[in-house]
Structures are given as structure tokens and as C-alpha cells.
Amino acid sequence: MKIAGMVVWVLTAGIGVYVLVTGIGAQRRERAAGPDAGQLAHVGAEAGEQPQGATLVGTAALAGGAVPGSAAGRSAPEGSPLLEFTHPAMALTGLTFWIFFVMTGDRPFAWISFGVLVAAILAGASWVLASRRQRDPGGLRFPPRLVLLHGAAAVCTLALVVIAAVAAG
């Protein structure tokens, strides 16, 4: 059971890395493609520009210039770098304690690992909820199916950790 927990934990981490890489790739593709011409015209119309000036208004918005009356003129919500760091850091810390438990069989390592895992899951859930609320246009967009798969694997990891820790005596 201890080894199964470790294997599922490593698979969960692998899925998490894949989710992150996929989100970064999607963001790069979106930036490379640039804004849609329809979006530029819409931004220009909001700013009171003629259609010819839409490209200039769109360029100003992309360059970070304030366009009165547009969403680009307001500051975009910031992501949470603390959650982006805390979730994977806690998960790796918990995995480290779990490896100590597997190697030594000492029950306190299992329960420390459990506590860190619960904190990592809460940090991950907070990250997902914060990302959904902000809907930052420049932020990372994670594929929902992969996020769900990562979360399901984390729940399986949690179940195996609890079972193995209780069975350890």
C-alpha cells in the first residue's frame, strides 16, 4: 500500500507538470496569434475611435497603454504567485516525507505527509478557484479535463496515504 501511494503520488505530480506545460503552451500560442481583428474593432468602438483607428487603439492596448472605457485601460487582476509556488512545493515536500515513511516505516512520517498533502490539495483547489474567478485574459489557461484528472489523482493519493498510514499500526 505504501508503494502504491508513492506511485500514485508521482503520477499525480506528472499530470500536474503536464497541466502546467499545456497551460504555458496555450498562453504562448495565444500571444503569438495576437488578438482577433474583431476584438480590435470592438476596442476601437469602445474608445470612440473610427474603424481606421481600431488598429492603433488595439496596439496601444497590447502595449499596455490605457484606452479609456476599455477593459485594457483597467489593470488586469494579478494571479497568485504564492499559490503557484505553494501548491507544487507542498506536494513535493509531502512526497519527500512519504518516501521517508516508505524507507523507514516510521508512522510519524506518514502523518506528516498526510498533513502536508491536505495543505497541498487545499492550495491547489484555491488556485483553481482563484483562476476561475479572475479570468485574467493574459493568465494561464489550464485544460479543464486535465485539471479534473489531476484533482482525481490527488484524491486517490490522499485515500492511499490515509489507508497506508492507518495500516502502519
Protein backbone atom coordinates (compact mmCIF):
# COMPACT_ATOMS: atom_id res chain seq x y z
CA MET A 1 0.00 0.00 0.00
CA LYS A 2 2.90 2.36 0.80
CA ILE A 3 4.45 1.81 -2.63
CA ALA A 4 1.07 2.23 -4.34
CA GLY A 5 0.61 5.57 -2.58
CA MET A 6 4.03 6.70 -3.73
CA VAL A 7 3.39 5.60 -7.33
CA VAL A 8 0.02 7.38 -7.49
CA TRP A 9 1.59 10.46 -5.90
CA VAL A 10 4.30 10.52 -8.58
CA LEU A 11 1.66 10.05 -11.30
CA THR A 12 -0.31 12.95 -9.83
CA ALA A 13 2.82 15.11 -9.94
CA GLY A 14 3.43 14.08 -13.55
CA ILE A 15 -0.12 15.02 -14.51
CA GLY A 16 0.36 18.35 -12.70
CA VAL A 17 3.53 19.07 -14.65
CA TYR A 18 1.71 18.19 -17.89
CA VAL A 19 -1.18 20.52 -16.95
CA LEU A 20 1.30 23.33 -16.30
CA VAL A 21 3.20 22.76 -19.55
CA THR A 22 -0.07 22.63 -21.51
CA GLY A 23 -1.27 25.89 -19.92
CA ILE A 24 2.02 27.65 -20.69
CA GLY A 25 1.92 26.34 -24.29
CA ALA A 26 -1.64 27.61 -24.76
CA GLN A 27 -0.63 31.02 -23.43
CA ARG A 28 2.33 31.22 -25.82
CA ARG A 29 0.17 30.22 -28.81
CA GLU A 30 -2.41 32.84 -27.84
CA ARG A 31 0.22 35.57 -27.58
CA ALA A 32 1.78 34.54 -30.91
CA ALA A 33 -1.58 34.57 -32.68
CA GLY A 34 -2.35 38.07 -31.41
CA PRO A 35 -5.78 39.49 -30.84
CA ASP A 36 -8.60 38.86 -33.24
CA ALA A 37 -9.36 41.67 -35.70
CA GLY A 38 -12.90 41.71 -34.37
CA GLN A 39 -11.61 42.35 -30.88
CA LEU A 40 -9.56 45.30 -32.15
CA ALA A 41 -12.59 46.83 -33.82
CA HIS A 42 -14.60 46.31 -30.64
CA VAL A 43 -11.89 48.01 -28.54
CA GLY A 44 -11.81 50.88 -31.03
CA ALA A 45 -15.58 51.27 -30.91
CA GLU A 46 -15.49 51.37 -27.11
CA ALA A 47 -12.87 54.10 -27.20
CA GLY A 48 -14.92 56.20 -29.61
CA GLU A 49 -12.47 55.67 -32.47
CA GLN A 50 -13.33 55.29 -36.11
CA PRO A 51 -12.75 51.81 -37.58
CA GLN A 52 -9.45 53.02 -39.09
CA GLY A 53 -8.15 53.85 -35.63
CA ALA A 54 -9.07 50.45 -34.21
CA THR A 55 -5.65 49.05 -35.03
CA LEU A 56 -3.94 51.92 -33.22
CA VAL A 57 -6.19 51.53 -30.20
CA GLY A 58 -5.60 47.77 -30.22
CA THR A 59 -1.86 48.30 -30.48
CA ALA A 60 -1.96 50.73 -27.56
CA ALA A 61 -3.92 48.20 -25.53
CA LEU A 62 -1.42 45.46 -26.35
CA ALA A 63 1.49 47.71 -25.44
CA GLY A 64 -0.09 48.34 -22.05
CA GLY A 65 -1.41 51.79 -22.86
CA ALA A 66 -4.63 52.91 -21.27
CA VAL A 67 -7.58 53.02 -23.62
CA PRO A 68 -10.38 55.00 -21.99
CA GLY A 69 -13.52 52.97 -21.47
CA SER A 70 -11.93 49.64 -22.36
CA ALA A 71 -11.03 46.63 -20.29
CA ALA A 72 -7.40 47.15 -21.35
CA GLY A 73 -7.46 50.58 -19.70
CA ARG A 74 -8.08 48.97 -16.31
CA SER A 75 -5.37 46.99 -14.62
CA ALA A 76 -5.77 43.26 -15.10
CA PRO A 77 -6.16 41.17 -11.97
CA GLU A 78 -2.94 39.62 -10.74
CA GLY A 79 -2.50 35.89 -10.41
CA SER A 80 -1.42 34.44 -7.11
CA PRO A 81 2.29 33.68 -7.26
CA LEU A 82 2.07 32.41 -3.69
CA LEU A 83 -0.42 29.69 -4.67
CA GLU A 84 1.51 28.93 -7.84
CA PHE A 85 4.58 28.25 -5.71
CA THR A 86 2.94 26.78 -2.61
CA HIS A 87 0.90 24.04 -4.28
CA PRO A 88 3.76 22.21 -6.02
CA ALA A 89 6.23 22.94 -3.19
CA MET A 90 3.92 21.41 -0.61
CA ALA A 91 3.17 18.43 -2.82
CA LEU A 92 6.88 17.72 -3.27
CA THR A 93 7.51 18.18 0.46
CA GLY A 94 4.73 15.74 1.26
CA LEU A 95 6.09 13.26 -1.26
CA THR A 96 9.51 13.55 0.38
CA PHE A 97 8.04 12.70 3.78
CA TRP A 98 6.13 9.82 2.17
CA ILE A 99 9.38 8.45 0.73
CA PHE A 100 10.89 8.69 4.23
CA PHE A 101 7.91 6.69 5.51
CA VAL A 102 8.31 4.05 2.80
CA MET A 103 12.03 3.73 3.53
CA THR A 104 11.85 3.71 7.34
CA GLY A 105 8.32 2.56 8.17
CA ASP A 106 8.06 5.28 10.84
CA ARG A 107 4.41 6.21 11.25
CA PRO A 108 5.04 9.92 12.10
CA PHE A 109 6.43 10.43 8.58
CA ALA A 110 3.15 9.10 7.18
CA TRP A 111 1.04 11.51 9.21
CA ILE A 112 3.29 14.47 8.45
CA SER A 113 2.99 13.54 4.81
CA PHE A 114 -0.80 13.36 5.16
CA GLY A 115 -0.97 16.84 6.72
CA VAL A 116 1.25 18.36 4.03
CA LEU A 117 -0.80 16.60 1.33
CA VAL A 118 -4.05 18.04 2.69
CA ALA A 119 -2.49 21.52 2.68
CA ALA A 120 -1.25 20.97 -0.90
CA ILE A 121 -4.72 19.88 -2.04
CA LEU A 122 -6.29 22.94 -0.40
CA ALA A 123 -3.70 25.21 -2.04
CA GLY A 124 -4.40 23.58 -5.43
CA ALA A 125 -8.16 23.94 -5.01
CA SER A 126 -7.67 27.59 -4.01
CA TRP A 127 -5.51 28.13 -7.09
CA VAL A 128 -8.20 26.69 -9.36
CA LEU A 129 -10.96 28.75 -7.73
CA ALA A 130 -8.90 31.95 -7.83
CA SER A 131 -8.09 31.38 -11.50
CA ARG A 132 -11.75 30.85 -12.36
CA ARG A 133 -12.82 33.99 -10.51
CA GLN A 134 -10.18 36.23 -12.05
CA ARG A 135 -10.42 35.05 -15.64
CA ASP A 136 -7.26 37.03 -16.34
CA PRO A 137 -7.03 37.44 -20.15
CA GLY A 138 -3.24 37.20 -20.04
CA GLY A 139 -3.11 34.41 -17.48
CA LEU A 140 -2.57 30.73 -17.89
CA ARG A 141 -5.48 28.68 -19.15
CA PHE A 142 -5.37 25.13 -17.94
CA PRO A 143 -7.36 22.45 -19.79
CA PRO A 144 -10.33 21.65 -17.50
CA ARG A 145 -10.19 17.90 -18.20
CA LEU A 146 -6.55 17.72 -17.18
CA VAL A 147 -7.21 19.77 -14.05
CA LEU A 148 -10.04 17.37 -13.16
CA LEU A 149 -7.77 14.38 -13.81
CA HIS A 150 -5.04 15.91 -11.62
CA GLY A 151 -7.57 16.54 -8.84
CA ALA A 152 -8.95 13.00 -9.08
CA ALA A 153 -5.43 11.57 -8.87
CA ALA A 154 -4.78 13.77 -5.82
CA VAL A 155 -7.90 12.39 -4.11
CA CYS A 156 -6.73 8.83 -4.88
CA THR A 157 -3.33 9.72 -3.45
CA LEU A 158 -4.97 11.06 -0.30
CA ALA A 159 -7.02 7.89 0.12
CA LEU A 160 -3.98 5.65 -0.29
CA VAL A 161 -1.96 7.77 2.16
CA VAL A 162 -4.68 7.52 4.81
CA ILE A 163 -5.12 3.76 4.30
CA ALA A 164 -1.37 3.11 4.45
CA ALA A 165 -0.87 5.38 7.49
CA VAL A 166 -3.68 3.69 9.42
CA ALA A 167 -2.48 0.23 8.40
CA ALA A 168 1.06 1.05 9.53
CA GLY A 169 -0.11 0.48 13.04
